[in-house]
Amino acid sequence: MDFHPGEIAIQNKAGVREEAQRLCQTISNIIKPAAQEFLKNQQLAVASTVDANGRVWASLLTGDSGFVRVLSEHTIEIHPTFLPRDLLSQNLASHNTIGLLVIDLANRRRLRLNGRANLQSDGKIKVELKQVFFNCPKYIQLRYIETEFTPSLKQPEIFTRDALSQTDESWIAQADTFFIASCHPEFGTDASHRGGFPGFVQVINSHKLVFPDYAGNNMFQTFGNLLVNPHAGLLFVNFESGDTLQLTGQAKVIWDAEKLIEFAGAQRLVEFDIEQVVESKNACPLRWRFGEYSPLNPG
C-alpha cells in the first residue's frame, strides 16, 4: 500500500519519511489470521463517516463479543447492538466510505479497518476493505468491561447544540481518552485513538479545543487527511455511564515550538474549531471499569 500525498507531506515535515515508508509494508487490504483472531472477542469500535454536508463524525459502535465478523479476507460485517440512529446510518446513505477502529482497552490493542460500507436493511454494515493494520499500544488507558452489567433497554436521548455547554467543557477537561475521525476526499475516512492524562485536552472556549500530538507510529494518517481536508470529528465516551459526546468541526495542526511548551511531551498541537455538538445519553449498553493509565502518557 502507498501513502497519499497529504500523508507524505506530513511525514517529510516531521522528518520520518523513511521510517514511515518501512511501516507502509504493514498496511494490507486483507484480514490476516492475527486480525481475524483479534476480532473474535471485540465489543468496541469507533466509526468515521461523512455527512451530506461534508462534515466528518466519529461514532461509537458496540455489540456482543465478535460483533465485527469476518466474511472473507476482504470483507467484514458489523453487527452493532444498535446504530447511532442520529448520525451513522444517515451518513452512510450519503457517503459510503467508512473508517473503523476496533479497540481492546483491556489488552491495549487496536486494529484499523478502512473501506466502503453498505448499510443493510437489518442494520448490519458490510464493509469491503481497502486498508487493514494494527497500531501500537501507546497511550491506551486500561479499562475492563463490567461483564455483570445488564444492558439497559432505554433508548438514547440525543441533544444537539452549536457550542459546548459547561457540562461538556467539564467532561472534556477531565477526559483521558478520545477518538478522532478524518477524511481524504479520494482515499477515504479513518478513525484513530488519542490518550493522555486528564487535562491533556484543553478547552479554550465553547467553540475551540487544543490538544497535543505525542510520538506515535509516524505514518500520520490523521494529519495527512487534515492537511488536505480540515474537517474532522471527535468522540468522547463516558465509560462509566455509557454516554457519548460527538463534536464535528475543523482541525488545524500547529508546529510552533513556542506553543508546545505548555503541553508535556507534545510534538505538535491540534486546534479544533467546533461547528456542532451531539450529546447522547444511554448511547452504549456497556460499562467499563478503570484499570490504570498508560505508562507512556507524557507528563
C-alpha atoms as a PDB file:
ATOM      1  CA  MET A   1       0.000   0.000   0.000  1.00  0.00           C
ATOM      2  CA  ASP A   2       1.159   3.564  -0.723  1.00  0.00           C
ATOM      3  CA  PHE A   3       0.629   6.715   1.305  1.00  0.00           C
ATOM      4  CA  HIS A   4      -1.305   9.580  -0.242  1.00  0.00           C
ATOM      5  CA  PRO A   5       0.384  12.970  -0.886  1.00  0.00           C
ATOM      6  CA  GLY A   6      -1.010  14.533   2.311  1.00  0.00           C
ATOM      7  CA  GLU A   7       0.485  11.784   4.471  1.00  0.00           C
ATOM      8  CA  ILE A   8       3.815  12.012   2.653  1.00  0.00           C
ATOM      9  CA  ALA A   9       3.940  15.793   3.119  1.00  0.00           C
ATOM     10  CA  ILE A  10       3.425  15.464   6.901  1.00  0.00           C
ATOM     11  CA  GLN A  11       5.964  12.629   7.132  1.00  0.00           C
ATOM     12  CA  ASN A  12       8.529  14.813   5.360  1.00  0.00           C
ATOM     13  CA  LYS A  13       7.799  17.795   7.615  1.00  0.00           C
ATOM     14  CA  ALA A  14       8.191  15.569  10.712  1.00  0.00           C
ATOM     15  CA  GLY A  15      11.418  14.068   9.334  1.00  0.00           C
ATOM     16  CA  VAL A  16      10.173  10.461   9.433  1.00  0.00           C
ATOM     17  CA  ARG A  17       9.587   9.708   5.766  1.00  0.00           C
ATOM     18  CA  GLU A  18      11.961   6.727   5.555  1.00  0.00           C
ATOM     19  CA  GLU A  19      10.617   5.140   8.729  1.00  0.00           C
ATOM     20  CA  ALA A  20       7.033   5.641   7.554  1.00  0.00           C
ATOM     21  CA  GLN A  21       7.811   4.011   4.223  1.00  0.00           C
ATOM     22  CA  ARG A  22       9.095   0.923   6.034  1.00  0.00           C
ATOM     23  CA  LEU A  23       5.933   0.808   8.138  1.00  0.00           C
ATOM     24  CA  CYS A  24       3.833   1.069   4.976  1.00  0.00           C
ATOM     25  CA  GLN A  25       4.504  -2.629   4.456  1.00  0.00           C
ATOM     26  CA  THR A  26       2.330  -3.405   7.494  1.00  0.00           C
ATOM     27  CA  ILE A  27      -0.769  -1.992   5.761  1.00  0.00           C
ATOM     28  CA  SER A  28      -2.706  -4.593   3.812  1.00  0.00           C
ATOM     29  CA  ASN A  29      -6.062  -4.875   2.072  1.00  0.00           C
ATOM     30  CA  ILE A  30      -6.734  -8.318   3.547  1.00  0.00           C
ATOM     31  CA  ILE A  31      -7.585  -9.521   7.035  1.00  0.00           C
ATOM     32  CA  LYS A  32      -4.681 -11.720   8.049  1.00  0.00           C
ATOM     33  CA  PRO A  33      -5.068 -14.541  10.608  1.00  0.00           C
ATOM     34  CA  ALA A  34      -3.877 -12.401  13.552  1.00  0.00           C
ATOM     35  CA  ALA A  35      -6.516  -9.772  12.771  1.00  0.00           C
ATOM     36  CA  GLN A  36      -9.205 -12.432  12.352  1.00  0.00           C
ATOM     37  CA  GLU A  37      -8.336 -13.881  15.741  1.00  0.00           C
ATOM     38  CA  PHE A  38      -8.340 -10.433  17.352  1.00  0.00           C
ATOM     39  CA  LEU A  39     -11.823  -9.610  16.052  1.00  0.00           C
ATOM     40  CA  LYS A  40     -13.412 -12.730  17.550  1.00  0.00           C
ATOM     41  CA  ASN A  41     -13.619 -11.226  21.047  1.00  0.00           C
ATOM     42  CA  GLN A  42     -14.072  -7.493  20.473  1.00  0.00           C
ATOM     43  CA  GLN A  43     -17.061  -5.413  21.602  1.00  0.00           C
ATOM     44  CA  LEU A  44     -15.967  -1.821  20.943  1.00  0.00           C
ATOM     45  CA  ALA A  45     -15.334   0.099  17.725  1.00  0.00           C
ATOM     46  CA  VAL A  46     -15.331   3.688  16.506  1.00  0.00           C
ATOM     47  CA  ALA A  47     -16.531   4.555  13.011  1.00  0.00           C
ATOM     48  CA  SER A  48     -15.534   7.572  10.925  1.00  0.00           C
ATOM     49  CA  THR A  49     -18.167   8.754   8.435  1.00  0.00           C
ATOM     50  CA  VAL A  50     -19.067  11.865   6.424  1.00  0.00           C
ATOM     51  CA  ASP A  51     -22.465  13.577   6.385  1.00  0.00           C
ATOM     52  CA  ALA A  52     -24.318  15.109   3.436  1.00  0.00           C
ATOM     53  CA  ASN A  53     -22.661  18.493   4.118  1.00  0.00           C
ATOM     54  CA  GLY A  54     -19.130  17.066   4.102  1.00  0.00           C
ATOM     55  CA  ARG A  55     -18.718  17.218   7.877  1.00  0.00           C
ATOM     56  CA  VAL A  56     -16.832  14.331   9.488  1.00  0.00           C
ATOM     57  CA  TRP A  57     -18.155  12.424  12.511  1.00  0.00           C
ATOM     58  CA  ALA A  58     -16.781   9.786  14.879  1.00  0.00           C
ATOM     59  CA  SER A  59     -19.455   7.369  16.165  1.00  0.00           C
ATOM     60  CA  LEU A  60     -19.379   4.660  18.822  1.00  0.00           C
ATOM     61  CA  LEU A  61     -20.284   1.086  17.860  1.00  0.00           C
ATOM     62  CA  THR A  62     -20.684  -1.740  20.373  1.00  0.00           C
ATOM     63  CA  GLY A  63     -22.070  -5.245  20.287  1.00  0.00           C
ATOM     64  CA  ASP A  64     -21.762  -8.783  21.526  1.00  0.00           C
ATOM     65  CA  SER A  65     -18.302 -10.327  21.594  1.00  0.00           C
ATOM     66  CA  GLY A  66     -17.155 -10.678  17.982  1.00  0.00           C
ATOM     67  CA  PHE A  67     -19.754  -8.257  16.594  1.00  0.00           C
ATOM     68  CA  VAL A  68     -17.286  -7.350  13.822  1.00  0.00           C
ATOM     69  CA  ARG A  69     -17.367 -10.567  11.817  1.00  0.00           C
ATOM     70  CA  VAL A  70     -15.033 -11.674   9.051  1.00  0.00           C
ATOM     71  CA  LEU A  71     -16.848 -12.815   5.912  1.00  0.00           C
ATOM     72  CA  SER A  72     -13.753 -13.159   3.726  1.00  0.00           C
ATOM     73  CA  GLU A  73     -10.192 -11.861   3.518  1.00  0.00           C
ATOM     74  CA  HIS A  74     -11.537  -8.607   2.063  1.00  0.00           C
ATOM     75  CA  THR A  75     -14.927  -8.246   3.750  1.00  0.00           C
ATOM     76  CA  ILE A  76     -16.296  -7.757   7.248  1.00  0.00           C
ATOM     77  CA  GLU A  77     -19.827  -7.375   8.574  1.00  0.00           C
ATOM     78  CA  ILE A  78     -20.621  -5.283  11.660  1.00  0.00           C
ATOM     79  CA  HIS A  79     -23.496  -6.425  13.888  1.00  0.00           C
ATOM     80  CA  PRO A  80     -23.945  -3.465  16.277  1.00  0.00           C
ATOM     81  CA  THR A  81     -26.196  -3.643  19.338  1.00  0.00           C
ATOM     82  CA  PHE A  82     -27.968  -0.666  17.835  1.00  0.00           C
ATOM     83  CA  LEU A  83     -26.940   2.002  15.383  1.00  0.00           C
ATOM     84  CA  PRO A  84     -26.391   5.612  16.404  1.00  0.00           C
ATOM     85  CA  ARG A  85     -29.590   6.488  14.547  1.00  0.00           C
ATOM     86  CA  ASP A  86     -28.872  10.205  14.626  1.00  0.00           C
ATOM     87  CA  LEU A  87     -25.730  10.123  12.518  1.00  0.00           C
ATOM     88  CA  LEU A  88     -24.132   6.948  11.280  1.00  0.00           C
ATOM     89  CA  SER A  89     -26.955   5.479   9.214  1.00  0.00           C
ATOM     90  CA  GLN A  90     -27.736   8.879   7.667  1.00  0.00           C
ATOM     91  CA  ASN A  91     -24.091   9.466   6.831  1.00  0.00           C
ATOM     92  CA  LEU A  92     -23.638   6.094   5.145  1.00  0.00           C
ATOM     93  CA  ALA A  93     -26.674   6.816   2.979  1.00  0.00           C
ATOM     94  CA  SER A  94     -24.896   9.867   1.506  1.00  0.00           C
ATOM     95  CA  HIS A  95     -21.238   8.736   1.656  1.00  0.00           C
ATOM     96  CA  ASN A  96     -20.359   5.042   1.794  1.00  0.00           C
ATOM     97  CA  THR A  97     -16.766   5.498   2.923  1.00  0.00           C
ATOM     98  CA  ILE A  98     -16.024   4.278   6.464  1.00  0.00           C
ATOM     99  CA  GLY A  99     -13.005   4.164   8.740  1.00  0.00           C
ATOM    100  CA  LEU A 100     -13.203   1.698  11.596  1.00  0.00           C
ATOM    101  CA  LEU A 101     -11.055   1.449  14.723  1.00  0.00           C
ATOM    102  CA  VAL A 102     -11.648  -1.739  16.733  1.00  0.00           C
ATOM    103  CA  ILE A 103     -10.039  -1.340  20.153  1.00  0.00           C
ATOM    104  CA  ASP A 104      -9.449  -3.674  23.096  1.00  0.00           C
ATOM    105  CA  LEU A 105      -8.917  -1.428  26.108  1.00  0.00           C
ATOM    106  CA  ALA A 106      -8.182  -4.330  28.470  1.00  0.00           C
ATOM    107  CA  ASN A 107      -5.228  -5.513  26.378  1.00  0.00           C
ATOM    108  CA  ARG A 108      -4.166  -2.233  24.774  1.00  0.00           C
ATOM    109  CA  ARG A 109      -4.633  -3.499  21.216  1.00  0.00           C
ATOM    110  CA  ARG A 110      -6.228  -1.739  18.281  1.00  0.00           C
ATOM    111  CA  LEU A 111      -6.944  -2.566  14.661  1.00  0.00           C
ATOM    112  CA  ARG A 112      -7.795  -0.157  11.844  1.00  0.00           C
ATOM    113  CA  LEU A 113     -10.089  -1.283   9.026  1.00  0.00           C
ATOM    114  CA  ASN A 114     -10.934   1.253   6.294  1.00  0.00           C
ATOM    115  CA  GLY A 115     -13.083   0.753   3.225  1.00  0.00           C
ATOM    116  CA  ARG A 116     -16.507   1.077   1.583  1.00  0.00           C
ATOM    117  CA  ALA A 117     -19.647   0.365   3.585  1.00  0.00           C
ATOM    118  CA  ASN A 118     -23.089  -0.912   2.696  1.00  0.00           C
ATOM    119  CA  LEU A 119     -25.768  -0.354   5.353  1.00  0.00           C
ATOM    120  CA  GLN A 120     -28.206  -3.237   5.059  1.00  0.00           C
ATOM    121  CA  SER A 121     -31.921  -3.202   5.844  1.00  0.00           C
ATOM    122  CA  ASP A 122     -31.418  -5.269   9.020  1.00  0.00           C
ATOM    123  CA  GLY A 123     -28.962  -2.714  10.459  1.00  0.00           C
ATOM    124  CA  LYS A 124     -25.816  -4.678   9.705  1.00  0.00           C
ATOM    125  CA  ILE A 125     -22.954  -2.913   7.960  1.00  0.00           C
ATOM    126  CA  LYS A 126     -20.979  -4.757   5.314  1.00  0.00           C
ATOM    127  CA  VAL A 127     -17.538  -3.308   4.565  1.00  0.00           C
ATOM    128  CA  GLU A 128     -15.294  -4.005   1.572  1.00  0.00           C
ATOM    129  CA  LEU A 129     -11.796  -3.344   2.913  1.00  0.00           C
ATOM    130  CA  LYS A 130      -9.025  -1.211   1.440  1.00  0.00           C
ATOM    131  CA  GLN A 131      -6.738  -0.929   4.473  1.00  0.00           C
ATOM    132  CA  VAL A 132      -6.159  -3.232   7.452  1.00  0.00           C
ATOM    133  CA  PHE A 133      -3.400  -2.728  10.029  1.00  0.00           C
ATOM    134  CA  PHE A 134      -2.656  -2.933  13.746  1.00  0.00           C
ATOM    135  CA  ASN A 135      -1.481   0.083  15.755  1.00  0.00           C
ATOM    136  CA  CYS A 136       0.869   0.256  18.719  1.00  0.00           C
ATOM    137  CA  PRO A 137      -0.483   0.239  22.319  1.00  0.00           C
ATOM    138  CA  LYS A 138       0.737   3.738  23.195  1.00  0.00           C
ATOM    139  CA  TYR A 139      -1.431   5.988  25.391  1.00  0.00           C
ATOM    140  CA  ILE A 140      -4.286   3.478  25.824  1.00  0.00           C
ATOM    141  CA  GLN A 141      -5.625   3.540  29.393  1.00  0.00           C
ATOM    142  CA  LEU A 142      -6.517   0.100  30.740  1.00  0.00           C
ATOM    143  CA  ARG A 143     -10.256  -0.442  31.124  1.00  0.00           C
ATOM    144  CA  TYR A 144     -12.246  -3.611  31.681  1.00  0.00           C
ATOM    145  CA  ILE A 145     -15.793  -4.326  30.547  1.00  0.00           C
ATOM    146  CA  GLU A 146     -18.078  -4.936  33.515  1.00  0.00           C
ATOM    147  CA  THR A 147     -19.424  -8.267  32.321  1.00  0.00           C
ATOM    148  CA  GLU A 148     -22.022  -8.453  35.090  1.00  0.00           C
ATOM    149  CA  PHE A 149     -23.740  -5.311  33.767  1.00  0.00           C
ATOM    150  CA  THR A 150     -27.249  -5.911  32.425  1.00  0.00           C
ATOM    151  CA  PRO A 151     -27.771  -3.865  29.253  1.00  0.00           C
ATOM    152  CA  SER A 152     -30.277  -1.059  29.664  1.00  0.00           C
ATOM    153  CA  LEU A 153     -33.296  -1.081  27.413  1.00  0.00           C
ATOM    154  CA  LYS A 154     -33.521   2.715  27.470  1.00  0.00           C
ATOM    155  CA  GLN A 155     -33.422   4.439  24.123  1.00  0.00           C
ATOM    156  CA  PRO A 156     -30.657   7.000  23.659  1.00  0.00           C
ATOM    157  CA  GLU A 157     -31.567  10.607  24.434  1.00  0.00           C
ATOM    158  CA  ILE A 158     -29.944  12.935  21.917  1.00  0.00           C
ATOM    159  CA  PHE A 159     -29.221  16.641  22.352  1.00  0.00           C
ATOM    160  CA  THR A 160     -27.768  18.807  19.575  1.00  0.00           C
ATOM    161  CA  ARG A 161     -26.185  22.229  20.049  1.00  0.00           C
ATOM    162  CA  ASP A 162     -23.811  24.601  18.289  1.00  0.00           C
ATOM    163  CA  ALA A 163     -21.324  25.021  21.149  1.00  0.00           C
ATOM    164  CA  LEU A 164     -20.107  23.267  24.277  1.00  0.00           C
ATOM    165  CA  SER A 165     -22.172  23.561  27.426  1.00  0.00           C
ATOM    166  CA  GLN A 166     -20.434  23.982  30.782  1.00  0.00           C
ATOM    167  CA  THR A 167     -21.084  20.291  31.445  1.00  0.00           C
ATOM    168  CA  ASP A 168     -19.471  19.404  28.105  1.00  0.00           C
ATOM    169  CA  GLU A 169     -16.439  21.522  28.939  1.00  0.00           C
ATOM    170  CA  SER A 170     -16.023  19.812  32.309  1.00  0.00           C
ATOM    171  CA  TRP A 171     -16.328  16.375  30.680  1.00  0.00           C
ATOM    172  CA  ILE A 172     -13.665  17.152  28.082  1.00  0.00           C
ATOM    173  CA  ALA A 173     -11.307  18.748  30.616  1.00  0.00           C
ATOM    174  CA  GLN A 174     -11.353  15.532  32.671  1.00  0.00           C
ATOM    175  CA  ALA A 175     -11.105  13.107  29.732  1.00  0.00           C
ATOM    176  CA  ASP A 176      -8.122  10.752  29.368  1.00  0.00           C
ATOM    177  CA  THR A 177      -9.259   9.317  26.032  1.00  0.00           C
ATOM    178  CA  PHE A 178     -10.973  10.446  22.843  1.00  0.00           C
ATOM    179  CA  PHE A 179     -11.216   9.353  19.236  1.00  0.00           C
ATOM    180  CA  ILE A 180     -10.656  11.416  16.098  1.00  0.00           C
ATOM    181  CA  ALA A 181     -12.169  10.890  12.652  1.00  0.00           C
ATOM    182  CA  SER A 182     -10.745  12.346   9.450  1.00  0.00           C
ATOM    183  CA  CYS A 183     -11.347  12.006   5.722  1.00  0.00           C
ATOM    184  CA  HIS A 184      -9.455  12.344   2.467  1.00  0.00           C
ATOM    185  CA  PRO A 185     -11.855  13.082  -0.434  1.00  0.00           C
ATOM    186  CA  GLU A 186     -10.271  10.402  -2.635  1.00  0.00           C
ATOM    187  CA  PHE A 187      -8.661   7.940  -0.206  1.00  0.00           C
ATOM    188  CA  GLY A 188     -11.481   7.682   2.323  1.00  0.00           C
ATOM    189  CA  THR A 189     -12.043   8.009   6.052  1.00  0.00           C
ATOM    190  CA  ASP A 190     -10.025   6.999   9.089  1.00  0.00           C
ATOM    191  CA  ALA A 191     -10.643   6.712  12.842  1.00  0.00           C
ATOM    192  CA  SER A 192      -7.878   6.945  15.429  1.00  0.00           C
ATOM    193  CA  HIS A 193      -7.384   6.877  19.212  1.00  0.00           C
ATOM    194  CA  ARG A 194      -5.856   9.607  21.372  1.00  0.00           C
ATOM    195  CA  GLY A 195      -4.976   9.273  25.053  1.00  0.00           C
ATOM    196  CA  GLY A 196      -3.200  11.086  27.889  1.00  0.00           C
ATOM    197  CA  PHE A 197      -3.623  12.132  31.476  1.00  0.00           C
ATOM    198  CA  PRO A 198      -6.812  14.059  32.350  1.00  0.00           C
ATOM    199  CA  GLY A 199      -6.379  17.646  31.211  1.00  0.00           C
ATOM    200  CA  PHE A 200      -4.417  16.773  28.067  1.00  0.00           C
ATOM    201  CA  VAL A 201      -7.281  18.278  26.054  1.00  0.00           C
ATOM    202  CA  GLN A 202      -7.602  21.997  26.818  1.00  0.00           C
ATOM    203  CA  VAL A 203     -10.925  23.802  26.431  1.00  0.00           C
ATOM    204  CA  ILE A 204     -10.118  27.292  25.110  1.00  0.00           C
ATOM    205  CA  ASN A 205     -13.779  28.342  24.931  1.00  0.00           C
ATOM    206  CA  SER A 206     -17.155  26.858  23.986  1.00  0.00           C
ATOM    207  CA  HIS A 207     -16.109  26.705  20.321  1.00  0.00           C
ATOM    208  CA  LYS A 208     -12.437  25.697  20.477  1.00  0.00           C
ATOM    209  CA  LEU A 209     -10.232  22.918  21.855  1.00  0.00           C
ATOM    210  CA  VAL A 210      -6.476  22.387  21.734  1.00  0.00           C
ATOM    211  CA  PHE A 211      -4.800  19.024  22.250  1.00  0.00           C
ATOM    212  CA  PRO A 212      -1.260  17.638  21.893  1.00  0.00           C
ATOM    213  CA  ASP A 213       0.046  15.097  19.437  1.00  0.00           C
ATOM    214  CA  TYR A 214       2.517  12.727  21.047  1.00  0.00           C
ATOM    215  CA  ALA A 215       5.088  10.464  19.378  1.00  0.00           C
ATOM    216  CA  GLY A 216       3.187   7.762  17.507  1.00  0.00           C
ATOM    217  CA  ASN A 217       3.640   5.345  14.640  1.00  0.00           C
ATOM    218  CA  ASN A 218       4.915   8.096  12.283  1.00  0.00           C
ATOM    219  CA  MET A 219       2.522   7.169   9.469  1.00  0.00           C
ATOM    220  CA  PHE A 220       0.354  10.259  10.079  1.00  0.00           C
ATOM    221  CA  GLN A 221      -2.868   9.029   8.505  1.00  0.00           C
ATOM    222  CA  THR A 222      -4.931  11.518  10.516  1.00  0.00           C
ATOM    223  CA  PHE A 223      -2.688  14.533   9.933  1.00  0.00           C
ATOM    224  CA  GLY A 224      -2.248  13.630   6.265  1.00  0.00           C
ATOM    225  CA  ASN A 225      -6.011  13.714   5.852  1.00  0.00           C
ATOM    226  CA  LEU A 226      -6.304  17.000   7.773  1.00  0.00           C
ATOM    227  CA  LEU A 227      -3.697  18.645   5.548  1.00  0.00           C
ATOM    228  CA  VAL A 228      -5.949  18.008   2.553  1.00  0.00           C
ATOM    229  CA  ASN A 229      -9.331  18.261   4.300  1.00  0.00           C
ATOM    230  CA  PRO A 230      -9.544  20.028   7.694  1.00  0.00           C
ATOM    231  CA  HIS A 231     -12.984  18.617   8.512  1.00  0.00           C
ATOM    232  CA  ALA A 232     -12.778  16.240  11.476  1.00  0.00           C
ATOM    233  CA  GLY A 233     -14.880  14.623  14.181  1.00  0.00           C
ATOM    234  CA  LEU A 234     -14.105  13.944  17.838  1.00  0.00           C
ATOM    235  CA  LEU A 235     -15.775  11.371  20.091  1.00  0.00           C
ATOM    236  CA  PHE A 236     -15.628  11.394  23.880  1.00  0.00           C
ATOM    237  CA  VAL A 237     -17.027   8.368  25.731  1.00  0.00           C
ATOM    238  CA  ASN A 238     -18.123   8.291  29.372  1.00  0.00           C
ATOM    239  CA  PHE A 239     -17.048   4.731  30.068  1.00  0.00           C
ATOM    240  CA  GLU A 240     -18.901   4.623  33.400  1.00  0.00           C
ATOM    241  CA  SER A 241     -22.306   5.880  32.184  1.00  0.00           C
ATOM    242  CA  GLY A 242     -22.356   4.883  28.505  1.00  0.00           C
ATOM    243  CA  ASP A 243     -22.940   8.479  27.350  1.00  0.00           C
ATOM    244  CA  THR A 244     -21.118   9.960  24.362  1.00  0.00           C
ATOM    245  CA  LEU A 245     -20.181  13.429  23.154  1.00  0.00           C
ATOM    246  CA  GLN A 246     -19.591  13.906  19.434  1.00  0.00           C
ATOM    247  CA  LEU A 247     -18.049  17.057  18.006  1.00  0.00           C
ATOM    248  CA  THR A 248     -17.667  17.980  14.365  1.00  0.00           C
ATOM    249  CA  GLY A 249     -15.611  20.885  13.122  1.00  0.00           C
ATOM    250  CA  GLN A 250     -12.295  21.807  11.554  1.00  0.00           C
ATOM    251  CA  ALA A 251      -8.814  20.937  12.769  1.00  0.00           C
ATOM    252  CA  LYS A 252      -5.520  22.709  12.218  1.00  0.00           C
ATOM    253  CA  VAL A 253      -2.090  21.252  13.031  1.00  0.00           C
ATOM    254  CA  ILE A 254       0.235  23.633  14.909  1.00  0.00           C
ATOM    255  CA  TRP A 255       4.021  23.150  14.606  1.00  0.00           C
ATOM    256  CA  ASP A 256       5.076  26.304  16.502  1.00  0.00           C
ATOM    257  CA  ALA A 257       7.651  25.176  19.101  1.00  0.00           C
ATOM    258  CA  GLU A 258       6.807  28.041  21.474  1.00  0.00           C
ATOM    259  CA  LYS A 259       3.198  26.883  21.754  1.00  0.00           C
ATOM    260  CA  LEU A 260       4.276  23.315  22.597  1.00  0.00           C
ATOM    261  CA  ILE A 261       5.841  24.325  25.921  1.00  0.00           C
ATOM    262  CA  GLU A 262       2.524  24.146  27.798  1.00  0.00           C
ATOM    263  CA  PHE A 263       1.970  20.515  26.766  1.00  0.00           C
ATOM    264  CA  ALA A 264       4.403  17.957  28.192  1.00  0.00           C
ATOM    265  CA  GLY A 265       5.630  15.564  25.519  1.00  0.00           C
ATOM    266  CA  ALA A 266       3.830  17.304  22.664  1.00  0.00           C
ATOM    267  CA  GLN A 267       5.478  17.168  19.262  1.00  0.00           C
ATOM    268  CA  ARG A 268       2.658  19.109  17.606  1.00  0.00           C
ATOM    269  CA  LEU A 269      -0.691  20.597  18.634  1.00  0.00           C
ATOM    270  CA  VAL A 270      -4.119  20.476  17.067  1.00  0.00           C
ATOM    271  CA  GLU A 271      -6.556  23.381  17.244  1.00  0.00           C
ATOM    272  CA  PHE A 272     -10.121  22.167  16.808  1.00  0.00           C
ATOM    273  CA  ASP A 273     -12.896  24.641  15.975  1.00  0.00           C
ATOM    274  CA  ILE A 274     -16.306  23.239  16.890  1.00  0.00           C
ATOM    275  CA  GLU A 275     -19.237  23.534  14.491  1.00  0.00           C
ATOM    276  CA  GLN A 276     -21.752  21.196  16.121  1.00  0.00           C
ATOM    277  CA  VAL A 277     -22.073  19.120  19.296  1.00  0.00           C
ATOM    278  CA  VAL A 278     -24.187  15.972  19.757  1.00  0.00           C
ATOM    279  CA  GLU A 279     -24.627  14.566  23.255  1.00  0.00           C
ATOM    280  CA  SER A 280     -26.148  11.080  23.504  1.00  0.00           C
ATOM    281  CA  LYS A 281     -27.253   9.706  26.841  1.00  0.00           C
ATOM    282  CA  ASN A 282     -27.553   5.892  27.040  1.00  0.00           C
ATOM    283  CA  ALA A 283     -25.606   5.655  23.774  1.00  0.00           C
ATOM    284  CA  CYS A 284     -23.984   2.398  24.820  1.00  0.00           C
ATOM    285  CA  PRO A 285     -25.236  -0.552  26.929  1.00  0.00           C
ATOM    286  CA  LEU A 286     -21.698  -1.459  28.032  1.00  0.00           C
ATOM    287  CA  ARG A 287     -19.802  -0.072  31.017  1.00  0.00           C
ATOM    288  CA  TRP A 288     -16.070  -0.141  31.731  1.00  0.00           C
ATOM    289  CA  ARG A 289     -14.075  -0.187  34.969  1.00  0.00           C
ATOM    290  CA  PHE A 290     -10.889   1.877  35.001  1.00  0.00           C
ATOM    291  CA  GLY A 291      -7.647  -0.078  35.470  1.00  0.00           C
ATOM    292  CA  GLU A 292      -4.611   2.192  35.088  1.00  0.00           C
ATOM    293  CA  TYR A 293      -3.195   4.951  32.961  1.00  0.00           C
ATOM    294  CA  SER A 294      -0.791   4.122  30.168  1.00  0.00           C
ATOM    295  CA  PRO A 295       2.820   4.177  31.452  1.00  0.00           C
ATOM    296  CA  LEU A 296       3.702   6.083  28.256  1.00  0.00           C
ATOM    297  CA  ASN A 297       1.438   9.078  28.957  1.00  0.00           C
ATOM    298  CA  PRO A 298       3.686  12.170  28.962  1.00  0.00           C
ATOM    299  CA  GLY A 299       3.839  14.498  31.896  1.00  0.00           C
END
